[in-house]
Amino acid sequence: MSSGKYIETARRLIRANPDLFEALVEFEHTRRMPKLGRKVHVDFTLDGDLVRELRREAAKRGLKMSQVVEQLVRDRVKGWRQE
């Protein structure tokens, strides 16, 4: 295989697995391998009325607020990538 094909294969793998390669970069710097796919605590502010409504509606559906927010964020990011 020519070096150009190796480079293109590497680029394709990086595009398909960005989290894995970011973890490898972090390992290079810290010599500690981070856990992949772990949940991260995020601290941000939302309107109080909106939070109460979200809590109520999520509970009706047997969901946690974080599950709802995570799916909404995932959908938004996916939409941005398609623009």
C-alpha atoms as a PDB file:
ATOM      1  CA  MET A   1       0.000   0.000   0.000  1.00  0.00           C
ATOM      2  CA  SER A   2       1.369   3.435  -0.887  1.00  0.00           C
ATOM      3  CA  SER A   3       1.954   6.040   1.803  1.00  0.00           C
ATOM      4  CA  GLY A   4      -0.920   8.121   0.409  1.00  0.00           C
ATOM      5  CA  LYS A   5      -3.345   5.253   1.008  1.00  0.00           C
ATOM      6  CA  TYR A   6      -2.054   4.831   4.576  1.00  0.00           C
ATOM      7  CA  ILE A   7      -2.536   8.520   5.231  1.00  0.00           C
ATOM      8  CA  GLU A   8      -6.084   8.512   3.830  1.00  0.00           C
ATOM      9  CA  THR A   9      -6.930   5.387   5.868  1.00  0.00           C
ATOM     10  CA  ALA A  10      -5.605   7.070   9.018  1.00  0.00           C
ATOM     11  CA  ARG A  11      -7.650  10.204   8.308  1.00  0.00           C
ATOM     12  CA  ARG A  12     -10.787   8.117   7.749  1.00  0.00           C
ATOM     13  CA  LEU A  13     -10.232   6.293  11.058  1.00  0.00           C
ATOM     14  CA  ILE A  14      -9.701   9.578  12.914  1.00  0.00           C
ATOM     15  CA  ARG A  15     -12.907  11.022  11.444  1.00  0.00           C
ATOM     16  CA  ALA A  16     -14.834   7.883  12.424  1.00  0.00           C
ATOM     17  CA  ASN A  17     -13.394   7.706  15.975  1.00  0.00           C
ATOM     18  CA  PRO A  18     -12.543  11.227  17.166  1.00  0.00           C
ATOM     19  CA  ASP A  19     -13.101  10.415  20.865  1.00  0.00           C
ATOM     20  CA  LEU A  20     -10.628   7.546  20.721  1.00  0.00           C
ATOM     21  CA  PHE A  21      -7.935   9.679  19.150  1.00  0.00           C
ATOM     22  CA  GLU A  22      -8.543  12.533  21.596  1.00  0.00           C
ATOM     23  CA  ALA A  23      -8.091   9.990  24.400  1.00  0.00           C
ATOM     24  CA  LEU A  24      -4.788   8.888  22.862  1.00  0.00           C
ATOM     25  CA  VAL A  25      -3.606  12.504  22.696  1.00  0.00           C
ATOM     26  CA  GLU A  26      -4.530  12.957  26.362  1.00  0.00           C
ATOM     27  CA  PHE A  27      -2.614   9.768  27.173  1.00  0.00           C
ATOM     28  CA  GLU A  28       0.457  11.179  25.425  1.00  0.00           C
ATOM     29  CA  HIS A  29       0.296  14.262  27.659  1.00  0.00           C
ATOM     30  CA  THR A  30      -0.700  12.695  30.982  1.00  0.00           C
ATOM     31  CA  ARG A  31       0.325   9.021  30.671  1.00  0.00           C
ATOM     32  CA  ARG A  32      -3.165   8.202  31.934  1.00  0.00           C
ATOM     33  CA  MET A  33      -5.801   6.700  29.667  1.00  0.00           C
ATOM     34  CA  PRO A  34      -9.152   8.422  30.195  1.00  0.00           C
ATOM     35  CA  LYS A  35     -12.299   6.344  30.349  1.00  0.00           C
ATOM     36  CA  LEU A  36     -14.109   6.515  27.032  1.00  0.00           C
ATOM     37  CA  GLY A  37     -17.829   7.109  26.901  1.00  0.00           C
ATOM     38  CA  ARG A  38     -18.106   8.298  30.478  1.00  0.00           C
ATOM     39  CA  LYS A  39     -20.729  10.781  31.513  1.00  0.00           C
ATOM     40  CA  VAL A  40     -19.561  14.291  32.374  1.00  0.00           C
ATOM     41  CA  HIS A  41     -21.211  16.607  34.869  1.00  0.00           C
ATOM     42  CA  VAL A  42     -22.142  19.924  33.244  1.00  0.00           C
ATOM     43  CA  ASP A  43     -23.132  23.010  35.173  1.00  0.00           C
ATOM     44  CA  PHE A  44     -25.292  25.576  33.353  1.00  0.00           C
ATOM     45  CA  THR A  45     -28.256  27.807  34.106  1.00  0.00           C
ATOM     46  CA  LEU A  46     -31.796  27.433  32.747  1.00  0.00           C
ATOM     47  CA  ASP A  47     -35.002  29.338  33.360  1.00  0.00           C
ATOM     48  CA  GLY A  48     -36.648  28.062  36.565  1.00  0.00           C
ATOM     49  CA  ASP A  49     -40.114  27.706  35.007  1.00  0.00           C
ATOM     50  CA  LEU A  50     -38.634  25.717  32.130  1.00  0.00           C
ATOM     51  CA  VAL A  51     -36.824  23.375  34.529  1.00  0.00           C
ATOM     52  CA  ARG A  52     -40.016  22.732  36.500  1.00  0.00           C
ATOM     53  CA  GLU A  53     -41.916  21.980  33.297  1.00  0.00           C
ATOM     54  CA  LEU A  54     -39.109  19.735  32.015  1.00  0.00           C
ATOM     55  CA  ARG A  55     -39.004  17.854  35.336  1.00  0.00           C
ATOM     56  CA  ARG A  56     -42.771  17.346  35.303  1.00  0.00           C
ATOM     57  CA  GLU A  57     -42.976  16.229  31.665  1.00  0.00           C
ATOM     58  CA  ALA A  58     -39.950  13.942  31.914  1.00  0.00           C
ATOM     59  CA  ALA A  59     -41.401  12.297  35.048  1.00  0.00           C
ATOM     60  CA  LYS A  60     -44.716  11.661  33.243  1.00  0.00           C
ATOM     61  CA  ARG A  61     -42.748   9.719  30.656  1.00  0.00           C
ATOM     62  CA  GLY A  62     -40.564   7.889  33.160  1.00  0.00           C
ATOM     63  CA  LEU A  63     -37.424   9.722  32.040  1.00  0.00           C
ATOM     64  CA  LYS A  64     -34.701  11.595  33.849  1.00  0.00           C
ATOM     65  CA  MET A  65     -34.206  15.230  32.923  1.00  0.00           C
ATOM     66  CA  SER A  66     -30.616  14.497  31.970  1.00  0.00           C
ATOM     67  CA  GLN A  67     -31.780  11.852  29.473  1.00  0.00           C
ATOM     68  CA  VAL A  68     -34.085  14.356  27.808  1.00  0.00           C
ATOM     69  CA  VAL A  69     -31.452  17.103  27.701  1.00  0.00           C
ATOM     70  CA  GLU A  70     -28.804  14.697  26.389  1.00  0.00           C
ATOM     71  CA  GLN A  71     -31.072  13.575  23.533  1.00  0.00           C
ATOM     72  CA  LEU A  72     -31.998  17.165  22.655  1.00  0.00           C
ATOM     73  CA  VAL A  73     -28.338  18.189  22.581  1.00  0.00           C
ATOM     74  CA  ARG A  74     -27.435  15.095  20.529  1.00  0.00           C
ATOM     75  CA  ASP A  75     -30.168  15.960  17.997  1.00  0.00           C
ATOM     76  CA  ARG A  76     -29.018  19.597  17.790  1.00  0.00           C
ATOM     77  CA  VAL A  77     -25.369  18.664  17.247  1.00  0.00           C
ATOM     78  CA  LYS A  78     -26.379  16.143  14.580  1.00  0.00           C
ATOM     79  CA  GLY A  79     -28.391  18.879  12.853  1.00  0.00           C
ATOM     80  CA  TRP A  80     -25.451  21.269  12.936  1.00  0.00           C
ATOM     81  CA  ARG A  81     -23.204  18.631  11.390  1.00  0.00           C
ATOM     82  CA  GLN A  82     -25.675  18.213   8.522  1.00  0.00           C
ATOM     83  CA  GLU A  83     -25.816  21.954   7.732  1.00  0.00           C
END
